[in-house]
Amino acid sequence: TGNEISNVSRACRILKQWDERKQERAVDLMKYYLELD
């Protein structure tokens, strides 16, 4: 696709750099956005 790096890998790298509170916020946002349970 021009960029073979997976979105999951990119997201994991970004999240690993954040503190726990920021990671939890990101997960909550993803759950809300994707309507996940």
PDB file of all heavy atoms in Angstrom:
ATOM      1  N   THR A   1       0.822  -1.201   0.000  1.00  0.00           N
ATOM      2  CA  THR A   1       0.000   0.000   0.000  1.00  0.00           C
ATOM      3  C   THR A   1       0.860   1.256   0.000  1.00  0.00           C
ATOM      4  O   THR A   1       0.358   2.337   0.183  1.00  0.00           O
ATOM      5  CB  THR A   1      -0.911   0.017   1.240  1.00  0.00           C
ATOM      6  OG1 THR A   1      -0.081  -0.013   2.403  1.00  0.00           O
ATOM      7  CG2 THR A   1      -1.860  -1.162   1.247  1.00  0.00           C
ATOM      8  N   GLY A   2       2.141   1.072  -0.173  1.00  0.00           N
ATOM      9  CA  GLY A   2       3.055   2.199  -0.096  1.00  0.00           C
ATOM     10  C   GLY A   2       3.650   2.327   1.287  1.00  0.00           C
ATOM     11  O   GLY A   2       4.686   2.905   1.479  1.00  0.00           O
ATOM     12  N   ASN A   3       2.949   1.776   2.270  1.00  0.00           N
ATOM     13  CA  ASN A   3       3.442   1.786   3.638  1.00  0.00           C
ATOM     14  C   ASN A   3       3.025   0.474   4.276  1.00  0.00           C
ATOM     15  O   ASN A   3       1.896   0.328   4.698  1.00  0.00           O
ATOM     16  CB  ASN A   3       2.877   2.978   4.413  1.00  0.00           C
ATOM     17  CG  ASN A   3       3.455   3.064   5.796  1.00  0.00           C
ATOM     18  OD1 ASN A   3       4.270   2.240   6.185  1.00  0.00           O
ATOM     19  ND2 ASN A   3       3.047   4.060   6.548  1.00  0.00           N
ATOM     20  N   GLU A   4       3.931  -0.482   4.335  1.00  0.00           N
ATOM     21  CA  GLU A   4       3.596  -1.807   4.805  1.00  0.00           C
ATOM     22  C   GLU A   4       3.557  -1.927   6.326  1.00  0.00           C
ATOM     23  O   GLU A   4       3.243  -2.964   6.859  1.00  0.00           O
ATOM     24  CB  GLU A   4       4.575  -2.838   4.233  1.00  0.00           C
ATOM     25  CG  GLU A   4       4.240  -3.260   2.828  1.00  0.00           C
ATOM     26  CD  GLU A   4       4.166  -2.133   1.831  1.00  0.00           C
ATOM     27  OE1 GLU A   4       5.202  -1.491   1.594  1.00  0.00           O
ATOM     28  OE2 GLU A   4       3.092  -1.863   1.300  1.00  0.00           O
ATOM     29  N   ILE A   5       3.895  -0.884   7.026  1.00  0.00           N
ATOM     30  CA  ILE A   5       3.840  -0.926   8.489  1.00  0.00           C
ATOM     31  C   ILE A   5       2.376  -0.941   8.905  1.00  0.00           C
ATOM     32  O   ILE A   5       1.582  -0.129   8.460  1.00  0.00           O
ATOM     33  CB  ILE A   5       4.576   0.277   9.111  1.00  0.00           C
ATOM     34  CG1 ILE A   5       6.052   0.238   8.720  1.00  0.00           C
ATOM     35  CG2 ILE A   5       4.410   0.297  10.613  1.00  0.00           C
ATOM     36  CD1 ILE A   5       6.825   1.460   9.130  1.00  0.00           C
ATOM     37  N   SER A   6       2.015  -1.886   9.735  1.00  0.00           N
ATOM     38  CA  SER A   6       0.610  -2.031  10.121  1.00  0.00           C
ATOM     39  C   SER A   6       0.162  -0.891  11.028  1.00  0.00           C
ATOM     40  O   SER A   6       0.947  -0.331  11.797  1.00  0.00           O
ATOM     41  CB  SER A   6       0.393  -3.366  10.820  1.00  0.00           C
ATOM     42  OG  SER A   6       0.922  -3.338  12.117  1.00  0.00           O
ATOM     43  N   ASN A   7      -1.113  -0.572  10.932  1.00  0.00           N
ATOM     44  CA  ASN A   7      -1.689   0.452  11.804  1.00  0.00           C
ATOM     45  C   ASN A   7      -1.630   0.024  13.256  1.00  0.00           C
ATOM     46  O   ASN A   7      -1.416   0.844  14.141  1.00  0.00           O
ATOM     47  CB  ASN A   7      -3.137   0.733  11.393  1.00  0.00           C
ATOM     48  CG  ASN A   7      -3.218   1.470  10.084  1.00  0.00           C
ATOM     49  OD1 ASN A   7      -2.326   2.226   9.734  1.00  0.00           O
ATOM     50  ND2 ASN A   7      -4.289   1.240   9.351  1.00  0.00           N
ATOM     51  N   VAL A   8      -1.814  -1.274  13.501  1.00  0.00           N
ATOM     52  CA  VAL A   8      -1.743  -1.779  14.869  1.00  0.00           C
ATOM     53  C   VAL A   8      -0.345  -1.551  15.436  1.00  0.00           C
ATOM     54  O   VAL A   8      -0.191  -1.087  16.568  1.00  0.00           O
ATOM     55  CB  VAL A   8      -2.120  -3.274  14.923  1.00  0.00           C
ATOM     56  CG1 VAL A   8      -1.868  -3.852  16.301  1.00  0.00           C
ATOM     57  CG2 VAL A   8      -3.569  -3.478  14.510  1.00  0.00           C
ATOM     58  N   SER A   9       0.678  -1.849  14.646  1.00  0.00           N
ATOM     59  CA  SER A   9       2.054  -1.639  15.109  1.00  0.00           C
ATOM     60  C   SER A   9       2.325  -0.178  15.401  1.00  0.00           C
ATOM     61  O   SER A   9       2.940   0.167  16.403  1.00  0.00           O
ATOM     62  CB  SER A   9       3.054  -2.139  14.062  1.00  0.00           C
ATOM     63  OG  SER A   9       2.959  -3.524  13.920  1.00  0.00           O
ATOM     64  N   ARG A  10       1.853   0.687  14.513  1.00  0.00           N
ATOM     65  CA  ARG A  10       2.050   2.128  14.715  1.00  0.00           C
ATOM     66  C   ARG A  10       1.361   2.584  15.991  1.00  0.00           C
ATOM     67  O   ARG A  10       1.933   3.323  16.794  1.00  0.00           O
ATOM     68  CB  ARG A  10       1.502   2.891  13.516  1.00  0.00           C
ATOM     69  CG  ARG A  10       2.556   3.432  12.611  1.00  0.00           C
ATOM     70  CD  ARG A  10       1.974   4.424  11.628  1.00  0.00           C
ATOM     71  NE  ARG A  10       0.823   3.901  10.941  1.00  0.00           N
ATOM     72  CZ  ARG A  10       0.827   3.409   9.715  1.00  0.00           C
ATOM     73  NH1 ARG A  10       1.931   3.373   9.036  1.00  0.00           N
ATOM     74  NH2 ARG A  10      -0.275   2.957   9.159  1.00  0.00           N
ATOM     75  N   ALA A  11       0.119   2.153  16.189  1.00  0.00           N
ATOM     76  CA  ALA A  11      -0.639   2.553  17.383  1.00  0.00           C
ATOM     77  C   ALA A  11       0.036   2.040  18.650  1.00  0.00           C
ATOM     78  O   ALA A  11       0.137   2.771  19.643  1.00  0.00           O
ATOM     79  CB  ALA A  11      -2.067   2.037  17.289  1.00  0.00           C
ATOM     80  N   CYS A  12       0.516   0.800  18.614  1.00  0.00           N
ATOM     81  CA  CYS A  12       1.200   0.238  19.786  1.00  0.00           C
ATOM     82  C   CYS A  12       2.451   1.035  20.129  1.00  0.00           C
ATOM     83  O   CYS A  12       2.717   1.299  21.303  1.00  0.00           O
ATOM     84  CB  CYS A  12       1.553  -1.222  19.551  1.00  0.00           C
ATOM     85  SG  CYS A  12       0.121  -2.319  19.614  1.00  0.00           S
ATOM     86  N   ARG A  13       3.215   1.405  19.114  1.00  0.00           N
ATOM     87  CA  ARG A  13       4.429   2.196  19.368  1.00  0.00           C
ATOM     88  C   ARG A  13       4.092   3.530  20.009  1.00  0.00           C
ATOM     89  O   ARG A  13       4.755   3.971  20.936  1.00  0.00           O
ATOM     90  CB  ARG A  13       5.188   2.420  18.056  1.00  0.00           C
ATOM     91  CG  ARG A  13       6.189   1.366  17.742  1.00  0.00           C
ATOM     92  CD  ARG A  13       7.244   1.832  16.750  1.00  0.00           C
ATOM     93  NE  ARG A  13       6.725   2.609  15.650  1.00  0.00           N
ATOM     94  CZ  ARG A  13       6.310   2.114  14.485  1.00  0.00           C
ATOM     95  NH1 ARG A  13       6.334   0.829  14.282  1.00  0.00           N
ATOM     96  NH2 ARG A  13       5.883   2.904  13.530  1.00  0.00           N
ATOM     97  N   ILE A  14       3.044   4.166  19.528  1.00  0.00           N
ATOM     98  CA  ILE A  14       2.640   5.463  20.077  1.00  0.00           C
ATOM     99  C   ILE A  14       2.168   5.297  21.523  1.00  0.00           C
ATOM    100  O   ILE A  14       2.590   6.031  22.415  1.00  0.00           O
ATOM    101  CB  ILE A  14       1.537   6.101  19.213  1.00  0.00           C
ATOM    102  CG1 ILE A  14       2.109   6.508  17.854  1.00  0.00           C
ATOM    103  CG2 ILE A  14       0.915   7.304  19.926  1.00  0.00           C
ATOM    104  CD1 ILE A  14       1.055   6.861  16.817  1.00  0.00           C
ATOM    105  N   LEU A  15       1.282   4.321  21.764  1.00  0.00           N
ATOM    106  CA  LEU A  15       0.736   4.117  23.101  1.00  0.00           C
ATOM    107  C   LEU A  15       1.816   3.770  24.121  1.00  0.00           C
ATOM    108  O   LEU A  15       1.727   4.188  25.280  1.00  0.00           O
ATOM    109  CB  LEU A  15      -0.338   3.032  23.087  1.00  0.00           C
ATOM    110  CG  LEU A  15      -1.662   3.426  22.436  1.00  0.00           C
ATOM    111  CD1 LEU A  15      -2.562   2.205  22.297  1.00  0.00           C
ATOM    112  CD2 LEU A  15      -2.357   4.521  23.209  1.00  0.00           C
ATOM    113  N   LYS A  16       2.819   3.011  23.718  1.00  0.00           N
ATOM    114  CA  LYS A  16       3.890   2.619  24.641  1.00  0.00           C
ATOM    115  C   LYS A  16       4.675   3.827  25.146  1.00  0.00           C
ATOM    116  O   LYS A  16       5.263   3.784  26.220  1.00  0.00           O
ATOM    117  CB  LYS A  16       4.832   1.626  23.968  1.00  0.00           C
ATOM    118  CG  LYS A  16       4.244   0.245  23.858  1.00  0.00           C
ATOM    119  CD  LYS A  16       5.197  -0.701  23.167  1.00  0.00           C
ATOM    120  CE  LYS A  16       4.542  -2.052  22.978  1.00  0.00           C
ATOM    121  NZ  LYS A  16       5.401  -2.990  22.252  1.00  0.00           N
ATOM    122  N   GLN A  17       4.659   4.906  24.394  1.00  0.00           N
ATOM    123  CA  GLN A  17       5.397   6.108  24.785  1.00  0.00           C
ATOM    124  C   GLN A  17       4.625   6.945  25.802  1.00  0.00           C
ATOM    125  O   GLN A  17       5.193   7.809  26.441  1.00  0.00           O
ATOM    126  CB  GLN A  17       5.696   6.970  23.556  1.00  0.00           C
ATOM    127  CG  GLN A  17       6.605   6.300  22.561  1.00  0.00           C
ATOM    128  CD  GLN A  17       6.737   7.087  21.279  1.00  0.00           C
ATOM    129  OE1 GLN A  17       6.193   8.176  21.129  1.00  0.00           O
ATOM    130  NE2 GLN A  17       7.455   6.538  20.329  1.00  0.00           N
ATOM    131  N   TRP A  18       3.347   6.702  25.935  1.00  0.00           N
ATOM    132  CA  TRP A  18       2.507   7.490  26.819  1.00  0.00           C
ATOM    133  C   TRP A  18       2.428   6.893  28.209  1.00  0.00           C
ATOM    134  O   TRP A  18       2.608   5.702  28.408  1.00  0.00           O
ATOM    135  CB  TRP A  18       1.098   7.577  26.253  1.00  0.00           C
ATOM    136  CG  TRP A  18       0.987   8.338  24.961  1.00  0.00           C
ATOM    137  CD1 TRP A  18       1.961   9.070  24.349  1.00  0.00           C
ATOM    138  CD2 TRP A  18      -0.147   8.407  24.110  1.00  0.00           C
ATOM    139  NE1 TRP A  18       1.492   9.601  23.182  1.00  0.00           N
ATOM    140  CE2 TRP A  18       0.203   9.214  23.008  1.00  0.00           C
ATOM    141  CE3 TRP A  18      -1.424   7.869  24.175  1.00  0.00           C
ATOM    142  CZ2 TRP A  18      -0.694   9.497  21.987  1.00  0.00           C
ATOM    143  CZ3 TRP A  18      -2.313   8.157  23.161  1.00  0.00           C
ATOM    144  CH2 TRP A  18      -1.948   8.966  22.076  1.00  0.00           C
ATOM    145  N   ASP A  19       2.113   7.744  29.193  1.00  0.00           N
ATOM    146  CA  ASP A  19       1.917   7.239  30.545  1.00  0.00           C
ATOM    147  C   ASP A  19       0.579   6.506  30.625  1.00  0.00           C
ATOM    148  O   ASP A  19      -0.244   6.568  29.709  1.00  0.00           O
ATOM    149  CB  ASP A  19       1.998   8.368  31.574  1.00  0.00           C
ATOM    150  CG  ASP A  19       0.915   9.431  31.407  1.00  0.00           C
ATOM    151  OD1 ASP A  19      -0.238   9.088  31.065  1.00  0.00           O
ATOM    152  OD2 ASP A  19       1.213  10.616  31.623  1.00  0.00           O
ATOM    153  N   GLU A  20       0.370   5.811  31.737  1.00  0.00           N
ATOM    154  CA  GLU A  20      -0.811   4.950  31.881  1.00  0.00           C
ATOM    155  C   GLU A  20      -2.123   5.726  31.749  1.00  0.00           C
ATOM    156  O   GLU A  20      -3.070   5.262  31.111  1.00  0.00           O
ATOM    157  CB  GLU A  20      -0.761   4.233  33.227  1.00  0.00           C
ATOM    158  CG  GLU A  20      -1.829   3.176  33.381  1.00  0.00           C
ATOM    159  CD  GLU A  20      -1.694   2.389  34.670  1.00  0.00           C
ATOM    160  OE1 GLU A  20      -0.582   2.327  35.224  1.00  0.00           O
ATOM    161  OE2 GLU A  20      -2.707   1.847  35.114  1.00  0.00           O
ATOM    162  N   ARG A  21      -2.177   6.899  32.324  1.00  0.00           N
ATOM    163  CA  ARG A  21      -3.408   7.710  32.272  1.00  0.00           C
ATOM    164  C   ARG A  21      -3.755   8.075  30.833  1.00  0.00           C
ATOM    165  O   ARG A  21      -4.906   7.969  30.405  1.00  0.00           O
ATOM    166  CB  ARG A  21      -3.226   8.970  33.111  1.00  0.00           C
ATOM    167  CG  ARG A  21      -4.470   9.824  33.172  1.00  0.00           C
ATOM    168  CD  ARG A  21      -4.305  10.944  34.207  1.00  0.00           C
ATOM    169  NE  ARG A  21      -5.391  11.872  34.098  1.00  0.00           N
ATOM    170  CZ  ARG A  21      -5.260  13.129  33.724  1.00  0.00           C
ATOM    171  NH1 ARG A  21      -4.080  13.631  33.463  1.00  0.00           N
ATOM    172  NH2 ARG A  21      -6.311  13.921  33.638  1.00  0.00           N
ATOM    173  N   LYS A  22      -2.757   8.478  30.072  1.00  0.00           N
ATOM    174  CA  LYS A  22      -2.975   8.848  28.683  1.00  0.00           C
ATOM    175  C   LYS A  22      -3.367   7.618  27.841  1.00  0.00           C
ATOM    176  O   LYS A  22      -4.215   7.709  26.958  1.00  0.00           O
ATOM    177  CB  LYS A  22      -1.701   9.496  28.122  1.00  0.00           C
ATOM    178  CG  LYS A  22      -1.914  10.369  26.936  1.00  0.00           C
ATOM    179  CD  LYS A  22      -0.635  11.139  26.617  1.00  0.00           C
ATOM    180  CE  LYS A  22      -0.824  12.056  25.450  1.00  0.00           C
ATOM    181  NZ  LYS A  22       0.395  12.792  25.119  1.00  0.00           N
ATOM    182  N   GLN A  23      -2.784   6.466  28.152  1.00  0.00           N
ATOM    183  CA  GLN A  23      -3.138   5.226  27.456  1.00  0.00           C
ATOM    184  C   GLN A  23      -4.601   4.874  27.715  1.00  0.00           C
ATOM    185  O   GLN A  23      -5.326   4.491  26.791  1.00  0.00           O
ATOM    186  CB  GLN A  23      -2.240   4.078  27.918  1.00  0.00           C
ATOM    187  CG  GLN A  23      -0.828   4.166  27.413  1.00  0.00           C
ATOM    188  CD  GLN A  23       0.049   3.058  27.978  1.00  0.00           C
ATOM    189  OE1 GLN A  23      -0.421   2.162  28.668  1.00  0.00           O
ATOM    190  NE2 GLN A  23       1.333   3.135  27.678  1.00  0.00           N
ATOM    191  N   GLU A  24      -5.026   5.005  28.962  1.00  0.00           N
ATOM    192  CA  GLU A  24      -6.418   4.697  29.305  1.00  0.00           C
ATOM    193  C   GLU A  24      -7.379   5.621  28.574  1.00  0.00           C
ATOM    194  O   GLU A  24      -8.430   5.182  28.085  1.00  0.00           O
ATOM    195  CB  GLU A  24      -6.626   4.800  30.814  1.00  0.00           C
ATOM    196  CG  GLU A  24      -5.991   3.667  31.584  1.00  0.00           C
ATOM    197  CD  GLU A  24      -6.056   3.863  33.092  1.00  0.00           C
ATOM    198  OE1 GLU A  24      -6.672   4.852  33.569  1.00  0.00           O
ATOM    199  OE2 GLU A  24      -5.490   3.022  33.803  1.00  0.00           O
ATOM    200  N   ARG A  25      -7.044   6.887  28.475  1.00  0.00           N
ATOM    201  CA  ARG A  25      -7.879   7.839  27.737  1.00  0.00           C
ATOM    202  C   ARG A  25      -7.992   7.447  26.269  1.00  0.00           C
ATOM    203  O   ARG A  25      -9.060   7.511  25.674  1.00  0.00           O
ATOM    204  CB  ARG A  25      -7.309   9.249  27.837  1.00  0.00           C
ATOM    205  CG  ARG A  25      -7.529   9.927  29.142  1.00  0.00           C
ATOM    206  CD  ARG A  25      -6.890  11.268  29.070  1.00  0.00           C
ATOM    207  NE  ARG A  25      -7.370  12.174  30.074  1.00  0.00           N
ATOM    208  CZ  ARG A  25      -6.796  13.334  30.323  1.00  0.00           C
ATOM    209  NH1 ARG A  25      -5.753  13.708  29.611  1.00  0.00           N
ATOM    210  NH2 ARG A  25      -7.267  14.123  31.250  1.00  0.00           N
ATOM    211  N   ALA A  26      -6.865   7.051  25.682  1.00  0.00           N
ATOM    212  CA  ALA A  26      -6.860   6.643  24.271  1.00  0.00           C
ATOM    213  C   ALA A  26      -7.730   5.416  24.053  1.00  0.00           C
ATOM    214  O   ALA A  26      -8.495   5.344  23.093  1.00  0.00           O
ATOM    215  CB  ALA A  26      -5.427   6.385  23.802  1.00  0.00           C
ATOM    216  N   VAL A  27      -7.629   4.445  24.950  1.00  0.00           N
ATOM    217  CA  VAL A  27      -8.448   3.229  24.843  1.00  0.00           C
ATOM    218  C   VAL A  27      -9.926   3.581  24.996  1.00  0.00           C
ATOM    219  O   VAL A  27     -10.778   3.086  24.241  1.00  0.00           O
ATOM    220  CB  VAL A  27      -8.004   2.168  25.872  1.00  0.00           C
ATOM    221  CG1 VAL A  27      -9.000   1.028  25.949  1.00  0.00           C
ATOM    222  CG2 VAL A  27      -6.619   1.651  25.529  1.00  0.00           C
ATOM    223  N   ASP A  28     -10.256   4.448  25.949  1.00  0.00           N
ATOM    224  CA  ASP A  28     -11.645   4.873  26.120  1.00  0.00           C
ATOM    225  C   ASP A  28     -12.169   5.557  24.857  1.00  0.00           C
ATOM    226  O   ASP A  28     -13.308   5.313  24.437  1.00  0.00           O
ATOM    227  CB  ASP A  28     -11.790   5.819  27.321  1.00  0.00           C
ATOM    228  CG  ASP A  28     -11.644   5.113  28.648  1.00  0.00           C
ATOM    229  OD1 ASP A  28     -11.760   3.865  28.673  1.00  0.00           O
ATOM    230  OD2 ASP A  28     -11.397   5.807  29.659  1.00  0.00           O
ATOM    231  N   LEU A  29     -11.346   6.382  24.253  1.00  0.00           N
ATOM    232  CA  LEU A  29     -11.729   7.067  23.024  1.00  0.00           C
ATOM    233  C   LEU A  29     -11.956   6.061  21.887  1.00  0.00           C
ATOM    234  O   LEU A  29     -12.939   6.165  21.150  1.00  0.00           O
ATOM    235  CB  LEU A  29     -10.662   8.087  22.626  1.00  0.00           C
ATOM    236  CG  LEU A  29     -10.927   8.898  21.375  1.00  0.00           C
ATOM    237  CD1 LEU A  29     -12.207   9.719  21.524  1.00  0.00           C
ATOM    238  CD2 LEU A  29      -9.753   9.815  21.083  1.00  0.00           C
ATOM    239  N   MET A  30     -11.076   5.078  21.779  1.00  0.00           N
ATOM    240  CA  MET A  30     -11.242   4.059  20.743  1.00  0.00           C
ATOM    241  C   MET A  30     -12.524   3.265  20.965  1.00  0.00           C
ATOM    242  O   MET A  30     -13.257   2.979  20.016  1.00  0.00           O
ATOM    243  CB  MET A  30     -10.034   3.118  20.710  1.00  0.00           C
ATOM    244  CG  MET A  30      -8.812   3.741  20.058  1.00  0.00           C
ATOM    245  SD  MET A  30      -7.465   2.566  19.859  1.00  0.00           S
ATOM    246  CE  MET A  30      -6.720   2.617  21.475  1.00  0.00           C
ATOM    247  N   LYS A  31     -12.798   2.898  22.215  1.00  0.00           N
ATOM    248  CA  LYS A  31     -14.023   2.162  22.525  1.00  0.00           C
ATOM    249  C   LYS A  31     -15.248   2.977  22.120  1.00  0.00           C
ATOM    250  O   LYS A  31     -16.179   2.461  21.505  1.00  0.00           O
ATOM    251  CB  LYS A  31     -14.104   1.849  24.021  1.00  0.00           C
ATOM    252  CG  LYS A  31     -13.194   0.762  24.488  1.00  0.00           C
ATOM    253  CD  LYS A  31     -13.411   0.589  25.983  1.00  0.00           C
ATOM    254  CE  LYS A  31     -12.396  -0.253  26.649  1.00  0.00           C
ATOM    255  NZ  LYS A  31     -12.607  -0.321  28.096  1.00  0.00           N
ATOM    256  N   TYR A  32     -15.219   4.253  22.467  1.00  0.00           N
ATOM    257  CA  TYR A  32     -16.341   5.123  22.136  1.00  0.00           C
ATOM    258  C   TYR A  32     -16.490   5.251  20.627  1.00  0.00           C
ATOM    259  O   TYR A  32     -17.573   5.094  20.077  1.00  0.00           O
ATOM    260  CB  TYR A  32     -16.142   6.505  22.769  1.00  0.00           C
ATOM    261  CG  TYR A  32     -17.198   7.500  22.343  1.00  0.00           C
ATOM    262  CD1 TYR A  32     -18.464   7.463  22.916  1.00  0.00           C
ATOM    263  CD2 TYR A  32     -16.916   8.447  21.384  1.00  0.00           C
ATOM    264  CE1 TYR A  32     -19.439   8.366  22.517  1.00  0.00           C
ATOM    265  CE2 TYR A  32     -17.882   9.352  20.967  1.00  0.00           C
ATOM    266  CZ  TYR A  32     -19.146   9.308  21.540  1.00  0.00           C
ATOM    267  OH  TYR A  32     -20.106  10.197  21.138  1.00  0.00           O
ATOM    268  N   TYR A  33     -15.405   5.519  19.963  1.00  0.00           N
ATOM    269  CA  TYR A  33     -15.424   5.735  18.518  1.00  0.00           C
ATOM    270  C   TYR A  33     -15.875   4.482  17.783  1.00  0.00           C
ATOM    271  O   TYR A  33     -16.650   4.549  16.840  1.00  0.00           O
ATOM    272  CB  TYR A  33     -14.046   6.177  18.038  1.00  0.00           C
ATOM    273  CG  TYR A  33     -13.979   6.399  16.560  1.00  0.00           C
ATOM    274  CD1 TYR A  33     -14.584   7.519  15.979  1.00  0.00           C
ATOM    275  CD2 TYR A  33     -13.336   5.499  15.716  1.00  0.00           C
ATOM    276  CE1 TYR A  33     -14.531   7.734  14.620  1.00  0.00           C
ATOM    277  CE2 TYR A  33     -13.279   5.704  14.357  1.00  0.00           C
ATOM    278  CZ  TYR A  33     -13.886   6.819  13.811  1.00  0.00           C
ATOM    279  OH  TYR A  33     -13.847   7.013  12.462  1.00  0.00           O
ATOM    280  N   LEU A  34     -15.406   3.332  18.219  1.00  0.00           N
ATOM    281  CA  LEU A  34     -15.723   2.073  17.547  1.00  0.00           C
ATOM    282  C   LEU A  34     -16.945   1.368  18.134  1.00  0.00           C
ATOM    283  O   LEU A  34     -17.345   0.321  17.670  1.00  0.00           O
ATOM    284  CB  LEU A  34     -14.524   1.129  17.607  1.00  0.00           C
ATOM    285  CG  LEU A  34     -13.262   1.656  16.923  1.00  0.00           C
ATOM    286  CD1 LEU A  34     -12.090   0.739  17.213  1.00  0.00           C
ATOM    287  CD2 LEU A  34     -13.486   1.777  15.429  1.00  0.00           C
ATOM    288  N   GLU A  35     -17.527   1.986  19.195  1.00  0.00           N
ATOM    289  CA  GLU A  35     -18.675   1.436  19.876  1.00  0.00           C
ATOM    290  C   GLU A  35     -18.407  -0.003  20.323  1.00  0.00           C
ATOM    291  O   GLU A  35     -19.230  -0.904  20.119  1.00  0.00           O
ATOM    292  CB  GLU A  35     -19.926   1.516  19.005  1.00  0.00           C
ATOM    293  CG  GLU A  35     -20.297   2.947  18.676  1.00  0.00           C
ATOM    294  CD  GLU A  35     -21.511   3.042  17.772  1.00  0.00           C
ATOM    295  OE1 GLU A  35     -22.180   2.030  17.508  1.00  0.00           O
ATOM    296  OE2 GLU A  35     -21.791   4.173  17.347  1.00  0.00           O
ATOM    297  N   LEU A  36     -17.253  -0.211  20.927  1.00  0.00           N
ATOM    298  CA  LEU A  36     -16.853  -1.526  21.407  1.00  0.00           C
ATOM    299  C   LEU A  36     -17.314  -1.749  22.831  1.00  0.00           C
ATOM    300  O   LEU A  36     -17.384  -0.818  23.621  1.00  0.00           O
ATOM    301  CB  LEU A  36     -15.335  -1.679  21.344  1.00  0.00           C
ATOM    302  CG  LEU A  36     -14.695  -1.560  19.959  1.00  0.00           C
ATOM    303  CD1 LEU A  36     -13.182  -1.626  20.087  1.00  0.00           C
ATOM    304  CD2 LEU A  36     -15.175  -2.681  19.071  1.00  0.00           C
ATOM    305  N   ASP A  37     -17.565  -2.983  23.140  1.00  0.00           N
ATOM    306  CA  ASP A  37     -17.953  -3.344  24.508  1.00  0.00           C
ATOM    307  C   ASP A  37     -16.874  -4.280  25.049  1.00  0.00           C
ATOM    308  O   ASP A  37     -17.069  -5.485  25.139  1.00  0.00           O
ATOM    309  CB  ASP A  37     -19.310  -4.035  24.512  1.00  0.00           C
ATOM    310  CG  ASP A  37     -19.823  -4.270  25.915  1.00  0.00           C
ATOM    311  OD1 ASP A  37     -19.379  -3.566  26.843  1.00  0.00           O
ATOM    312  OD2 ASP A  37     -20.651  -5.180  26.085  1.00  0.00           O
TER     313      ASP A  37
END
